[in-house]
Amino acid sequence: LLLTAAGAGIAAAAAAAGGGGYLFYRKRKKDRKKGANRLFGVPLESINGKFIAPNGVPIIIERLTEQLLWNGAHEDGIFRQQGADPQIEQLKAAFTKLHRDEDPEVLKLDEYSAHDVAGAMVAFLMELPEPLCTVELYPKFVEVEETSADDDTIWLARVKELFSRLPDRNLRVFLKLLPLLHTIATLAEENRMDFSNLGVVFAPLFFWQHMPEGDVDQDTLMRKSLREADTLSKLVSKLVQLQSLVWDVTLDQMPQVELTEAGQEFAEEEGEEEFEQPPPNYEESRHHPSAPGVRHTPPSKPLPKPPLAIDAASAAPASAPELPPRDPLPPAADDFIGT
């Protein structure tokens, strides 16, 4: 297995999130504060509508993505170099107070470095109590990469089928983030974050499992985690590279959602309650907003569907701009470490 410094940074964050030394396994957290004013550490489908943009994506993901596209995609080591903890905490607090109808200029994102902005996005994803891929589909994604990686057409068809089973809000977050990561990868000559490096960084953010309960052989679990780390890093790299083909339409082409602040799963009052995440009901949530208080608004006209066959020209990344030679990063941040 090859791990970069970026992977080491995410591993440390995963350990802080309760996974110990296992990059793709985290301890289940049963006690969690709940409340209508909470944004971090809340299941995606239960986030209050006031924190959700009209496209169905949490405002924090929407605004931070746009900021990084505007001023961050070119940044050297984006998502690899860590931001400043005080600034990241300030951003987290600011988004917790931001209502979807407020002017986003109040956030003053231009006053933060691109690494602070990226760090706040990583923090939001890392603190989700359930993985973006869902616990149920985690082994399915691993299986797809292990058995279909050599045939892009089969791989793509199976990934599309799994995406169709994601809760609506999870799908929309994927469709928001994958184009951002693709843009960053096309600028790899400038930011040195190619598809492979982004796969290492984002695999444990998109894909993880709860730690098995009961007595578990630690050596066996460690070997399994390392194997899956390699598999899922390759999967995410490929998802980013073929991001325009993994779903039939872009997020902008999907119907917007009408959100209310009523009917949320969490009570208006803050308080401690036992956290038990129910299994997602995919049959009812496929292609439709599944969060409480969200109503589906149909598109005004049918949405186009591209052919299944991969168009190499459309899937290929754009050429990175010509740049002058640059000094290499220090070994601690740029070299690969074999484990």
C-alpha atoms as a PDB file:
ATOM      1  CA  LEU A   1       0.000   0.000   0.000  1.00  0.00           C
ATOM      2  CA  LEU A   2       1.207   3.494  -0.825  1.00  0.00           C
ATOM      3  CA  LEU A   3       0.188   6.311   1.476  1.00  0.00           C
ATOM      4  CA  THR A   4       1.050   9.972   0.926  1.00  0.00           C
ATOM      5  CA  ALA A   5       1.329  12.635   3.583  1.00  0.00           C
ATOM      6  CA  ALA A   6      -2.222  13.610   2.686  1.00  0.00           C
ATOM      7  CA  GLY A   7      -3.378  10.125   3.570  1.00  0.00           C
ATOM      8  CA  ALA A   8      -1.502  10.373   6.854  1.00  0.00           C
ATOM      9  CA  GLY A   9      -3.329  13.609   7.651  1.00  0.00           C
ATOM     10  CA  ILE A  10      -6.715  12.073   6.944  1.00  0.00           C
ATOM     11  CA  ALA A  11      -5.715   9.024   8.977  1.00  0.00           C
ATOM     12  CA  ALA A  12      -5.021  11.269  11.955  1.00  0.00           C
ATOM     13  CA  ALA A  13      -8.432  12.879  11.512  1.00  0.00           C
ATOM     14  CA  ALA A  14     -10.059   9.476  11.268  1.00  0.00           C
ATOM     15  CA  ALA A  15      -8.379   8.471  14.505  1.00  0.00           C
ATOM     16  CA  ALA A  16      -9.754  11.588  16.143  1.00  0.00           C
ATOM     17  CA  ALA A  17     -13.198  10.660  14.798  1.00  0.00           C
ATOM     18  CA  GLY A  18     -13.042   7.380  16.675  1.00  0.00           C
ATOM     19  CA  GLY A  19     -11.395   4.963  14.291  1.00  0.00           C
ATOM     20  CA  GLY A  20      -8.124   4.480  16.108  1.00  0.00           C
ATOM     21  CA  GLY A  21      -5.513   3.434  13.569  1.00  0.00           C
ATOM     22  CA  TYR A  22      -8.017   2.012  11.083  1.00  0.00           C
ATOM     23  CA  LEU A  23      -8.434   4.433   8.220  1.00  0.00           C
ATOM     24  CA  PHE A  24     -11.734   3.014   6.925  1.00  0.00           C
ATOM     25  CA  TYR A  25     -13.292   1.835  10.202  1.00  0.00           C
ATOM     26  CA  ARG A  26     -14.694   4.129  12.894  1.00  0.00           C
ATOM     27  CA  LYS A  27     -16.302   3.462  16.245  1.00  0.00           C
ATOM     28  CA  ARG A  28     -20.046   3.947  16.315  1.00  0.00           C
ATOM     29  CA  LYS A  29     -21.013   7.006  18.323  1.00  0.00           C
ATOM     30  CA  LYS A  30     -24.284   6.469  20.172  1.00  0.00           C
ATOM     31  CA  ASP A  31     -24.473   9.679  22.175  1.00  0.00           C
ATOM     32  CA  ARG A  32     -24.800  12.825  20.144  1.00  0.00           C
ATOM     33  CA  LYS A  33     -26.294  16.265  20.637  1.00  0.00           C
ATOM     34  CA  LYS A  34     -29.352  16.843  18.541  1.00  0.00           C
ATOM     35  CA  GLY A  35     -31.068  20.059  17.676  1.00  0.00           C
ATOM     36  CA  ALA A  36     -32.423  22.142  14.845  1.00  0.00           C
ATOM     37  CA  ASN A  37     -29.417  24.460  15.057  1.00  0.00           C
ATOM     38  CA  ARG A  38     -26.809  21.744  14.585  1.00  0.00           C
ATOM     39  CA  LEU A  39     -24.949  21.344  11.302  1.00  0.00           C
ATOM     40  CA  PHE A  40     -21.836  19.327  12.116  1.00  0.00           C
ATOM     41  CA  GLY A  41     -22.115  15.722  13.237  1.00  0.00           C
ATOM     42  CA  VAL A  42     -25.705  15.409  11.988  1.00  0.00           C
ATOM     43  CA  PRO A  43     -26.829  12.770   9.438  1.00  0.00           C
ATOM     44  CA  LEU A  44     -27.183  14.368   6.016  1.00  0.00           C
ATOM     45  CA  GLU A  45     -30.859  13.507   5.658  1.00  0.00           C
ATOM     46  CA  SER A  46     -31.617  15.086   9.059  1.00  0.00           C
ATOM     47  CA  ILE A  47     -29.918  18.445   8.557  1.00  0.00           C
ATOM     48  CA  ASN A  48     -32.426  21.261   9.040  1.00  0.00           C
ATOM     49  CA  GLY A  49     -33.705  22.777   5.793  1.00  0.00           C
ATOM     50  CA  LYS A  50     -32.317  26.185   6.729  1.00  0.00           C
ATOM     51  CA  PHE A  51     -28.826  24.765   6.131  1.00  0.00           C
ATOM     52  CA  ILE A  52     -29.701  23.346   2.676  1.00  0.00           C
ATOM     53  CA  ALA A  53     -29.296  25.186  -0.649  1.00  0.00           C
ATOM     54  CA  PRO A  54     -32.067  24.998  -3.298  1.00  0.00           C
ATOM     55  CA  ASN A  55     -30.093  22.336  -5.176  1.00  0.00           C
ATOM     56  CA  GLY A  56     -30.421  20.015  -2.162  1.00  0.00           C
ATOM     57  CA  VAL A  57     -26.778  20.309  -1.049  1.00  0.00           C
ATOM     58  CA  PRO A  58     -25.787  21.587   2.403  1.00  0.00           C
ATOM     59  CA  ILE A  59     -24.908  25.267   2.135  1.00  0.00           C
ATOM     60  CA  ILE A  60     -21.489  24.639   3.634  1.00  0.00           C
ATOM     61  CA  ILE A  61     -20.620  22.272   0.757  1.00  0.00           C
ATOM     62  CA  GLU A  62     -22.176  24.624  -1.803  1.00  0.00           C
ATOM     63  CA  ARG A  63     -20.335  27.763  -0.645  1.00  0.00           C
ATOM     64  CA  LEU A  64     -16.981  26.143   0.057  1.00  0.00           C
ATOM     65  CA  THR A  65     -16.997  24.404  -3.326  1.00  0.00           C
ATOM     66  CA  GLU A  66     -17.708  27.657  -5.140  1.00  0.00           C
ATOM     67  CA  GLN A  67     -15.009  29.434  -3.139  1.00  0.00           C
ATOM     68  CA  LEU A  68     -12.414  26.787  -3.979  1.00  0.00           C
ATOM     69  CA  LEU A  69     -13.328  26.945  -7.670  1.00  0.00           C
ATOM     70  CA  TRP A  70     -12.986  30.732  -7.523  1.00  0.00           C
ATOM     71  CA  ASN A  71      -9.826  30.890  -5.429  1.00  0.00           C
ATOM     72  CA  GLY A  72      -8.322  27.579  -4.432  1.00  0.00           C
ATOM     73  CA  ALA A  73      -8.181  25.015  -7.225  1.00  0.00           C
ATOM     74  CA  HIS A  74      -4.758  26.304  -8.290  1.00  0.00           C
ATOM     75  CA  GLU A  75      -3.397  26.321  -4.737  1.00  0.00           C
ATOM     76  CA  ASP A  76      -0.301  24.210  -4.202  1.00  0.00           C
ATOM     77  CA  GLY A  77      -1.172  21.121  -2.161  1.00  0.00           C
ATOM     78  CA  ILE A  78      -4.876  21.937  -1.833  1.00  0.00           C
ATOM     79  CA  PHE A  79      -6.538  19.321   0.441  1.00  0.00           C
ATOM     80  CA  ARG A  80      -3.052  18.021   1.281  1.00  0.00           C
ATOM     81  CA  GLN A  81      -1.703  20.911   3.322  1.00  0.00           C
ATOM     82  CA  GLN A  82      -3.621  21.615   6.488  1.00  0.00           C
ATOM     83  CA  GLY A  83      -5.301  24.917   7.224  1.00  0.00           C
ATOM     84  CA  ALA A  84      -5.088  26.834  10.503  1.00  0.00           C
ATOM     85  CA  ASP A  85      -7.245  25.292  13.229  1.00  0.00           C
ATOM     86  CA  PRO A  86      -8.542  28.626  14.636  1.00  0.00           C
ATOM     87  CA  GLN A  87      -9.673  29.773  11.192  1.00  0.00           C
ATOM     88  CA  ILE A  88     -11.326  26.428  10.452  1.00  0.00           C
ATOM     89  CA  GLU A  89     -13.218  26.641  13.745  1.00  0.00           C
ATOM     90  CA  GLN A  90     -14.317  30.181  12.848  1.00  0.00           C
ATOM     91  CA  LEU A  91     -15.662  28.942   9.523  1.00  0.00           C
ATOM     92  CA  LYS A  92     -17.525  26.083  11.190  1.00  0.00           C
ATOM     93  CA  ALA A  93     -19.150  28.492  13.633  1.00  0.00           C
ATOM     94  CA  ALA A  94     -20.053  30.930  10.851  1.00  0.00           C
ATOM     95  CA  PHE A  95     -21.811  28.271   8.770  1.00  0.00           C
ATOM     96  CA  THR A  96     -23.728  27.061  11.811  1.00  0.00           C
ATOM     97  CA  LYS A  97     -25.239  30.556  12.086  1.00  0.00           C
ATOM     98  CA  LEU A  98     -25.829  31.093   8.359  1.00  0.00           C
ATOM     99  CA  HIS A  99     -29.411  30.757   7.117  1.00  0.00           C
ATOM    100  CA  ARG A 100     -29.909  29.698   3.501  1.00  0.00           C
ATOM    101  CA  ASP A 101     -31.658  33.021   2.705  1.00  0.00           C
ATOM    102  CA  GLU A 102     -28.807  35.163   4.022  1.00  0.00           C
ATOM    103  CA  ASP A 103     -26.256  36.840   1.795  1.00  0.00           C
ATOM    104  CA  PRO A 104     -23.213  34.504   1.691  1.00  0.00           C
ATOM    105  CA  GLU A 105     -20.970  37.569   1.606  1.00  0.00           C
ATOM    106  CA  VAL A 106     -21.383  37.746   5.396  1.00  0.00           C
ATOM    107  CA  LEU A 107     -19.063  34.736   5.592  1.00  0.00           C
ATOM    108  CA  LYS A 108     -16.169  36.806   4.164  1.00  0.00           C
ATOM    109  CA  LEU A 109     -14.598  33.671   2.702  1.00  0.00           C
ATOM    110  CA  ASP A 110     -12.002  35.751   0.864  1.00  0.00           C
ATOM    111  CA  GLU A 111     -10.421  36.501   4.231  1.00  0.00           C
ATOM    112  CA  TYR A 112      -9.525  32.838   4.686  1.00  0.00           C
ATOM    113  CA  SER A 113      -6.803  30.892   2.931  1.00  0.00           C
ATOM    114  CA  ALA A 114      -7.741  28.187   0.452  1.00  0.00           C
ATOM    115  CA  HIS A 115      -6.360  25.629   2.926  1.00  0.00           C
ATOM    116  CA  ASP A 116      -8.668  26.949   5.671  1.00  0.00           C
ATOM    117  CA  VAL A 117     -11.643  26.626   3.305  1.00  0.00           C
ATOM    118  CA  ALA A 118     -10.622  23.099   2.295  1.00  0.00           C
ATOM    119  CA  GLY A 119     -10.095  22.227   5.961  1.00  0.00           C
ATOM    120  CA  ALA A 120     -13.638  23.280   6.861  1.00  0.00           C
ATOM    121  CA  MET A 121     -15.012  21.082   4.070  1.00  0.00           C
ATOM    122  CA  VAL A 122     -12.961  18.111   5.271  1.00  0.00           C
ATOM    123  CA  ALA A 123     -14.176  18.710   8.836  1.00  0.00           C
ATOM    124  CA  PHE A 124     -17.820  18.633   7.747  1.00  0.00           C
ATOM    125  CA  LEU A 125     -17.365  15.379   5.826  1.00  0.00           C
ATOM    126  CA  MET A 126     -15.265  13.812   8.576  1.00  0.00           C
ATOM    127  CA  GLU A 127     -17.858  14.559  11.260  1.00  0.00           C
ATOM    128  CA  LEU A 128     -20.778  12.976   9.416  1.00  0.00           C
ATOM    129  CA  PRO A 129     -22.021  10.123  11.644  1.00  0.00           C
ATOM    130  CA  GLU A 130     -22.677   7.970   8.564  1.00  0.00           C
ATOM    131  CA  PRO A 131     -20.459   7.689   5.472  1.00  0.00           C
ATOM    132  CA  LEU A 132     -21.411   9.460   2.270  1.00  0.00           C
ATOM    133  CA  CYS A 133     -21.488   6.061   0.513  1.00  0.00           C
ATOM    134  CA  THR A 134     -23.789   4.688   3.308  1.00  0.00           C
ATOM    135  CA  VAL A 135     -22.878   1.755   5.512  1.00  0.00           C
ATOM    136  CA  GLU A 136     -25.075  -0.603   3.489  1.00  0.00           C
ATOM    137  CA  LEU A 137     -23.395   0.164   0.155  1.00  0.00           C
ATOM    138  CA  TYR A 138     -19.798   0.325   1.412  1.00  0.00           C
ATOM    139  CA  PRO A 139     -19.012  -3.355   0.653  1.00  0.00           C
ATOM    140  CA  LYS A 140     -20.757  -3.046  -2.730  1.00  0.00           C
ATOM    141  CA  PHE A 141     -18.451  -0.219  -3.787  1.00  0.00           C
ATOM    142  CA  VAL A 142     -15.413  -2.213  -2.645  1.00  0.00           C
ATOM    143  CA  GLU A 143     -16.629  -5.196  -4.657  1.00  0.00           C
ATOM    144  CA  VAL A 144     -17.131  -3.109  -7.802  1.00  0.00           C
ATOM    145  CA  GLU A 145     -13.553  -1.858  -7.745  1.00  0.00           C
ATOM    146  CA  GLU A 146     -12.111  -5.271  -6.916  1.00  0.00           C
ATOM    147  CA  THR A 147     -14.012  -7.144  -9.640  1.00  0.00           C
ATOM    148  CA  SER A 148     -14.705  -4.647 -12.441  1.00  0.00           C
ATOM    149  CA  ALA A 149     -11.795  -2.201 -12.482  1.00  0.00           C
ATOM    150  CA  ASP A 150     -10.361  -3.649 -15.712  1.00  0.00           C
ATOM    151  CA  ASP A 151     -13.519  -2.994 -17.750  1.00  0.00           C
ATOM    152  CA  ASP A 152     -14.597   0.642 -17.719  1.00  0.00           C
ATOM    153  CA  THR A 153     -18.008  -0.022 -19.257  1.00  0.00           C
ATOM    154  CA  ILE A 154     -18.959  -2.676 -16.680  1.00  0.00           C
ATOM    155  CA  TRP A 155     -17.426  -0.622 -13.878  1.00  0.00           C
ATOM    156  CA  LEU A 156     -19.402   2.449 -14.898  1.00  0.00           C
ATOM    157  CA  ALA A 157     -22.690   0.557 -15.166  1.00  0.00           C
ATOM    158  CA  ARG A 158     -22.247  -0.932 -11.696  1.00  0.00           C
ATOM    159  CA  VAL A 159     -21.264   2.413 -10.158  1.00  0.00           C
ATOM    160  CA  LYS A 160     -24.363   4.028 -11.686  1.00  0.00           C
ATOM    161  CA  GLU A 161     -26.522   1.317 -10.168  1.00  0.00           C
ATOM    162  CA  LEU A 162     -25.015   1.945  -6.736  1.00  0.00           C
ATOM    163  CA  PHE A 163     -25.421   5.713  -7.122  1.00  0.00           C
ATOM    164  CA  SER A 164     -29.109   5.101  -7.905  1.00  0.00           C
ATOM    165  CA  ARG A 165     -29.441   3.487  -4.468  1.00  0.00           C
ATOM    166  CA  LEU A 166     -27.949   6.391  -2.537  1.00  0.00           C
ATOM    167  CA  PRO A 167     -30.230   8.663  -0.530  1.00  0.00           C
ATOM    168  CA  ASP A 168     -30.998  11.757  -2.570  1.00  0.00           C
ATOM    169  CA  ARG A 169     -28.959  14.178  -0.480  1.00  0.00           C
ATOM    170  CA  ASN A 170     -25.903  11.885  -0.485  1.00  0.00           C
ATOM    171  CA  LEU A 171     -26.113  11.644  -4.266  1.00  0.00           C
ATOM    172  CA  ARG A 172     -26.329  15.416  -4.624  1.00  0.00           C
ATOM    173  CA  VAL A 173     -23.263  15.940  -2.432  1.00  0.00           C
ATOM    174  CA  PHE A 174     -21.308  13.488  -4.592  1.00  0.00           C
ATOM    175  CA  LEU A 175     -22.444  15.333  -7.733  1.00  0.00           C
ATOM    176  CA  LYS A 176     -21.290  18.629  -6.218  1.00  0.00           C
ATOM    177  CA  LEU A 177     -17.886  17.459  -5.050  1.00  0.00           C
ATOM    178  CA  LEU A 178     -16.734  15.234  -7.919  1.00  0.00           C
ATOM    179  CA  PRO A 179     -16.603  18.068 -10.522  1.00  0.00           C
ATOM    180  CA  LEU A 180     -14.632  20.205  -8.042  1.00  0.00           C
ATOM    181  CA  LEU A 181     -12.088  17.436  -7.561  1.00  0.00           C
ATOM    182  CA  HIS A 182     -11.902  16.883 -11.326  1.00  0.00           C
ATOM    183  CA  THR A 183     -11.109  20.563 -11.846  1.00  0.00           C
ATOM    184  CA  ILE A 184      -8.386  20.395  -9.194  1.00  0.00           C
ATOM    185  CA  ALA A 185      -6.881  17.284 -10.815  1.00  0.00           C
ATOM    186  CA  THR A 186      -6.716  18.959 -14.251  1.00  0.00           C
ATOM    187  CA  LEU A 187      -4.496  21.608 -12.646  1.00  0.00           C
ATOM    188  CA  ALA A 188      -2.123  19.036 -11.150  1.00  0.00           C
ATOM    189  CA  GLU A 189       0.945  20.569 -12.804  1.00  0.00           C
ATOM    190  CA  GLU A 190       0.253  23.661 -10.730  1.00  0.00           C
ATOM    191  CA  ASN A 191      -1.257  22.318  -7.491  1.00  0.00           C
ATOM    192  CA  ARG A 192       0.394  18.870  -7.535  1.00  0.00           C
ATOM    193  CA  MET A 193      -2.888  17.168  -6.619  1.00  0.00           C
ATOM    194  CA  ASP A 194      -3.539  14.665  -9.406  1.00  0.00           C
ATOM    195  CA  PHE A 195      -6.298  12.051  -9.580  1.00  0.00           C
ATOM    196  CA  SER A 196      -4.262   9.559  -7.557  1.00  0.00           C
ATOM    197  CA  ASN A 197      -3.472  11.997  -4.736  1.00  0.00           C
ATOM    198  CA  LEU A 198      -7.101  13.124  -4.520  1.00  0.00           C
ATOM    199  CA  GLY A 199      -8.154   9.476  -4.359  1.00  0.00           C
ATOM    200  CA  VAL A 200      -5.900   8.948  -1.340  1.00  0.00           C
ATOM    201  CA  VAL A 201      -7.270  12.036   0.425  1.00  0.00           C
ATOM    202  CA  PHE A 202     -10.985  11.574  -0.261  1.00  0.00           C
ATOM    203  CA  ALA A 203     -11.396   7.794  -0.091  1.00  0.00           C
ATOM    204  CA  PRO A 204     -11.648   7.791   3.744  1.00  0.00           C
ATOM    205  CA  LEU A 205     -13.953  10.825   3.617  1.00  0.00           C
ATOM    206  CA  PHE A 206     -16.421   9.249   1.174  1.00  0.00           C
ATOM    207  CA  PHE A 207     -16.084   5.593   2.198  1.00  0.00           C
ATOM    208  CA  TRP A 208     -15.826   4.071   5.676  1.00  0.00           C
ATOM    209  CA  GLN A 209     -17.504   1.507   7.915  1.00  0.00           C
ATOM    210  CA  HIS A 210     -18.382   1.224  11.566  1.00  0.00           C
ATOM    211  CA  MET A 211     -15.974  -0.834  13.622  1.00  0.00           C
ATOM    212  CA  PRO A 212     -17.230  -4.421  14.011  1.00  0.00           C
ATOM    213  CA  GLU A 213     -18.838  -5.094  17.375  1.00  0.00           C
ATOM    214  CA  GLY A 214     -17.633  -7.789  19.741  1.00  0.00           C
ATOM    215  CA  ASP A 215     -14.266  -9.515  19.758  1.00  0.00           C
ATOM    216  CA  VAL A 216     -12.335  -8.824  16.547  1.00  0.00           C
ATOM    217  CA  ASP A 217      -8.891 -10.050  15.561  1.00  0.00           C
ATOM    218  CA  GLN A 218      -6.971  -6.775  15.300  1.00  0.00           C
ATOM    219  CA  ASP A 219      -4.374  -8.077  12.828  1.00  0.00           C
ATOM    220  CA  THR A 220      -7.082  -9.335  10.482  1.00  0.00           C
ATOM    221  CA  LEU A 221      -8.958  -6.042  10.670  1.00  0.00           C
ATOM    222  CA  MET A 222      -5.777  -4.058  10.023  1.00  0.00           C
ATOM    223  CA  ARG A 223      -4.930  -6.126   6.940  1.00  0.00           C
ATOM    224  CA  LYS A 224      -8.485  -5.735   5.671  1.00  0.00           C
ATOM    225  CA  SER A 225      -8.373  -1.968   6.245  1.00  0.00           C
ATOM    226  CA  LEU A 226      -5.078  -1.595   4.380  1.00  0.00           C
ATOM    227  CA  ARG A 227      -6.339  -3.648   1.444  1.00  0.00           C
ATOM    228  CA  GLU A 228      -9.528  -1.631   1.235  1.00  0.00           C
ATOM    229  CA  ALA A 229      -7.572   1.621   1.506  1.00  0.00           C
ATOM    230  CA  ASP A 230      -5.760   0.766  -1.708  1.00  0.00           C
ATOM    231  CA  THR A 231      -8.976  -0.378  -3.416  1.00  0.00           C
ATOM    232  CA  LEU A 232     -11.037   2.650  -2.416  1.00  0.00           C
ATOM    233  CA  SER A 233      -8.302   5.151  -3.258  1.00  0.00           C
ATOM    234  CA  LYS A 234      -8.321   3.767  -6.798  1.00  0.00           C
ATOM    235  CA  LEU A 235     -12.127   3.853  -6.856  1.00  0.00           C
ATOM    236  CA  VAL A 236     -12.285   7.531  -5.863  1.00  0.00           C
ATOM    237  CA  SER A 237      -9.554   8.422  -8.341  1.00  0.00           C
ATOM    238  CA  LYS A 238     -11.615   6.830 -11.086  1.00  0.00           C
ATOM    239  CA  LEU A 239     -14.858   8.438  -9.873  1.00  0.00           C
ATOM    240  CA  VAL A 240     -13.187  11.833 -10.147  1.00  0.00           C
ATOM    241  CA  GLN A 241     -11.692  11.090 -13.547  1.00  0.00           C
ATOM    242  CA  LEU A 242     -15.012   9.860 -14.990  1.00  0.00           C
ATOM    243  CA  GLN A 243     -17.199  12.223 -12.980  1.00  0.00           C
ATOM    244  CA  SER A 244     -19.148  13.406 -16.012  1.00  0.00           C
ATOM    245  CA  LEU A 245     -20.265   9.827 -16.731  1.00  0.00           C
ATOM    246  CA  VAL A 246     -21.113   8.369 -13.328  1.00  0.00           C
ATOM    247  CA  TRP A 247     -24.599   9.878 -13.343  1.00  0.00           C
ATOM    248  CA  ASP A 248     -27.053  10.646 -16.136  1.00  0.00           C
ATOM    249  CA  VAL A 249     -27.345  14.367 -15.380  1.00  0.00           C
ATOM    250  CA  THR A 250     -25.359  17.047 -13.616  1.00  0.00           C
ATOM    251  CA  LEU A 251     -26.471  18.530 -10.313  1.00  0.00           C
ATOM    252  CA  ASP A 252     -27.568  21.701 -12.126  1.00  0.00           C
ATOM    253  CA  GLN A 253     -29.898  19.604 -14.314  1.00  0.00           C
ATOM    254  CA  MET A 254     -31.528  17.861 -11.371  1.00  0.00           C
ATOM    255  CA  PRO A 255     -34.795  19.309 -10.036  1.00  0.00           C
ATOM    256  CA  GLN A 256     -34.414  21.790  -7.236  1.00  0.00           C
ATOM    257  CA  VAL A 257     -35.909  20.997  -3.860  1.00  0.00           C
ATOM    258  CA  GLU A 258     -38.286  23.099  -1.816  1.00  0.00           C
ATOM    259  CA  LEU A 259     -37.244  23.082   1.801  1.00  0.00           C
ATOM    260  CA  THR A 260     -39.025  23.907   5.005  1.00  0.00           C
ATOM    261  CA  GLU A 261     -37.734  24.243   8.517  1.00  0.00           C
ATOM    262  CA  ALA A 262     -40.707  22.356   9.940  1.00  0.00           C
ATOM    263  CA  GLY A 263     -40.968  18.616  10.341  1.00  0.00           C
ATOM    264  CA  GLN A 264     -37.310  18.085  11.136  1.00  0.00           C
ATOM    265  CA  GLU A 265     -36.278  14.858  12.797  1.00  0.00           C
ATOM    266  CA  PHE A 266     -34.519  16.779  15.566  1.00  0.00           C
ATOM    267  CA  ALA A 267     -36.375  18.778  18.203  1.00  0.00           C
ATOM    268  CA  GLU A 268     -36.011  22.545  18.278  1.00  0.00           C
ATOM    269  CA  GLU A 269     -34.436  22.359  21.729  1.00  0.00           C
ATOM    270  CA  GLU A 270     -30.804  21.351  22.085  1.00  0.00           C
ATOM    271  CA  GLY A 271     -30.153  18.317  24.220  1.00  0.00           C
ATOM    272  CA  GLU A 272     -28.421  14.978  24.650  1.00  0.00           C
ATOM    273  CA  GLU A 273     -30.177  11.926  23.239  1.00  0.00           C
ATOM    274  CA  GLU A 274     -29.091   8.470  22.267  1.00  0.00           C
ATOM    275  CA  PHE A 275     -28.120   8.467  18.630  1.00  0.00           C
ATOM    276  CA  GLU A 276     -29.407   5.550  16.614  1.00  0.00           C
ATOM    277  CA  GLN A 277     -29.266   6.005  12.854  1.00  0.00           C
ATOM    278  CA  PRO A 278     -32.045   3.955  11.196  1.00  0.00           C
ATOM    279  CA  PRO A 279     -31.135   2.033   8.059  1.00  0.00           C
ATOM    280  CA  PRO A 280     -31.834   4.112   4.931  1.00  0.00           C
ATOM    281  CA  ASN A 281     -34.958   3.219   2.995  1.00  0.00           C
ATOM    282  CA  TYR A 282     -33.577   3.289  -0.515  1.00  0.00           C
ATOM    283  CA  GLU A 283     -36.777   2.179  -2.231  1.00  0.00           C
ATOM    284  CA  GLU A 284     -38.523   5.335  -1.089  1.00  0.00           C
ATOM    285  CA  SER A 285     -35.598   7.705  -1.463  1.00  0.00           C
ATOM    286  CA  ARG A 286     -34.127   6.891  -4.866  1.00  0.00           C
ATOM    287  CA  HIS A 287     -34.045   9.971  -7.070  1.00  0.00           C
ATOM    288  CA  HIS A 288     -36.207  11.888  -4.624  1.00  0.00           C
ATOM    289  CA  PRO A 289     -35.300  14.187  -1.741  1.00  0.00           C
ATOM    290  CA  SER A 290     -35.525  11.991   1.324  1.00  0.00           C
ATOM    291  CA  ALA A 291     -34.803  14.483   4.099  1.00  0.00           C
ATOM    292  CA  PRO A 292     -37.609  15.582   6.440  1.00  0.00           C
ATOM    293  CA  GLY A 293     -39.300  18.777   5.338  1.00  0.00           C
ATOM    294  CA  VAL A 294     -38.140  18.445   1.707  1.00  0.00           C
ATOM    295  CA  ARG A 295     -40.633  18.366  -1.144  1.00  0.00           C
ATOM    296  CA  HIS A 296     -39.797  17.357  -4.689  1.00  0.00           C
ATOM    297  CA  THR A 297     -40.176  19.964  -7.420  1.00  0.00           C
ATOM    298  CA  PRO A 298     -40.312  18.259 -10.847  1.00  0.00           C
ATOM    299  CA  PRO A 299     -38.228  19.688 -13.720  1.00  0.00           C
ATOM    300  CA  SER A 300     -39.993  21.789 -16.310  1.00  0.00           C
ATOM    301  CA  LYS A 301     -38.887  19.478 -19.113  1.00  0.00           C
ATOM    302  CA  PRO A 302     -37.450  15.956 -19.422  1.00  0.00           C
ATOM    303  CA  LEU A 303     -33.758  15.680 -18.610  1.00  0.00           C
ATOM    304  CA  PRO A 304     -31.403  14.232 -21.232  1.00  0.00           C
ATOM    305  CA  LYS A 305     -29.643  10.928 -20.632  1.00  0.00           C
ATOM    306  CA  PRO A 306     -26.258  10.287 -22.250  1.00  0.00           C
ATOM    307  CA  PRO A 307     -25.419   6.850 -23.682  1.00  0.00           C
ATOM    308  CA  LEU A 308     -23.817   4.316 -21.381  1.00  0.00           C
ATOM    309  CA  ALA A 309     -20.767   3.840 -23.594  1.00  0.00           C
ATOM    310  CA  ILE A 310     -17.805   5.860 -22.363  1.00  0.00           C
ATOM    311  CA  ASP A 311     -16.856   8.780 -24.545  1.00  0.00           C
ATOM    312  CA  ALA A 312     -13.116   8.993 -24.053  1.00  0.00           C
ATOM    313  CA  ALA A 313     -12.969  12.543 -25.337  1.00  0.00           C
ATOM    314  CA  SER A 314     -15.542  13.843 -22.845  1.00  0.00           C
ATOM    315  CA  ALA A 315     -14.141  11.834 -19.957  1.00  0.00           C
ATOM    316  CA  ALA A 316     -10.521  12.820 -20.529  1.00  0.00           C
ATOM    317  CA  PRO A 317      -9.323  15.657 -18.299  1.00  0.00           C
ATOM    318  CA  ALA A 318      -8.482  18.975 -19.861  1.00  0.00           C
ATOM    319  CA  SER A 319      -4.814  19.753 -20.340  1.00  0.00           C
ATOM    320  CA  ALA A 320      -3.192  21.609 -17.490  1.00  0.00           C
ATOM    321  CA  PRO A 321      -1.733  25.031 -18.337  1.00  0.00           C
ATOM    322  CA  GLU A 322       1.946  25.420 -19.153  1.00  0.00           C
ATOM    323  CA  LEU A 323       3.815  26.384 -16.007  1.00  0.00           C
ATOM    324  CA  PRO A 324       7.456  27.135 -15.199  1.00  0.00           C
ATOM    325  CA  PRO A 325       9.446  24.467 -13.308  1.00  0.00           C
ATOM    326  CA  ARG A 326       8.930  24.473  -9.573  1.00  0.00           C
ATOM    327  CA  ASP A 327      10.994  23.266  -6.663  1.00  0.00           C
ATOM    328  CA  PRO A 328       9.832  19.924  -5.247  1.00  0.00           C
ATOM    329  CA  LEU A 329       7.941  19.770  -1.990  1.00  0.00           C
ATOM    330  CA  PRO A 330       9.830  18.660   1.112  1.00  0.00           C
ATOM    331  CA  PRO A 331      10.072  14.850   1.346  1.00  0.00           C
ATOM    332  CA  ALA A 332       7.679  14.703   4.293  1.00  0.00           C
ATOM    333  CA  ALA A 333       4.882  16.135   2.162  1.00  0.00           C
ATOM    334  CA  ASP A 334       5.679  14.779  -1.286  1.00  0.00           C
ATOM    335  CA  ASP A 335       7.355  11.394  -1.011  1.00  0.00           C
ATOM    336  CA  PHE A 336       5.407   8.152  -0.864  1.00  0.00           C
ATOM    337  CA  ILE A 337       5.791   5.975   2.168  1.00  0.00           C
ATOM    338  CA  GLY A 338       5.518   2.224   1.699  1.00  0.00           C
ATOM    339  CA  THR A 339       3.775   0.268   4.406  1.00  0.00           C
END
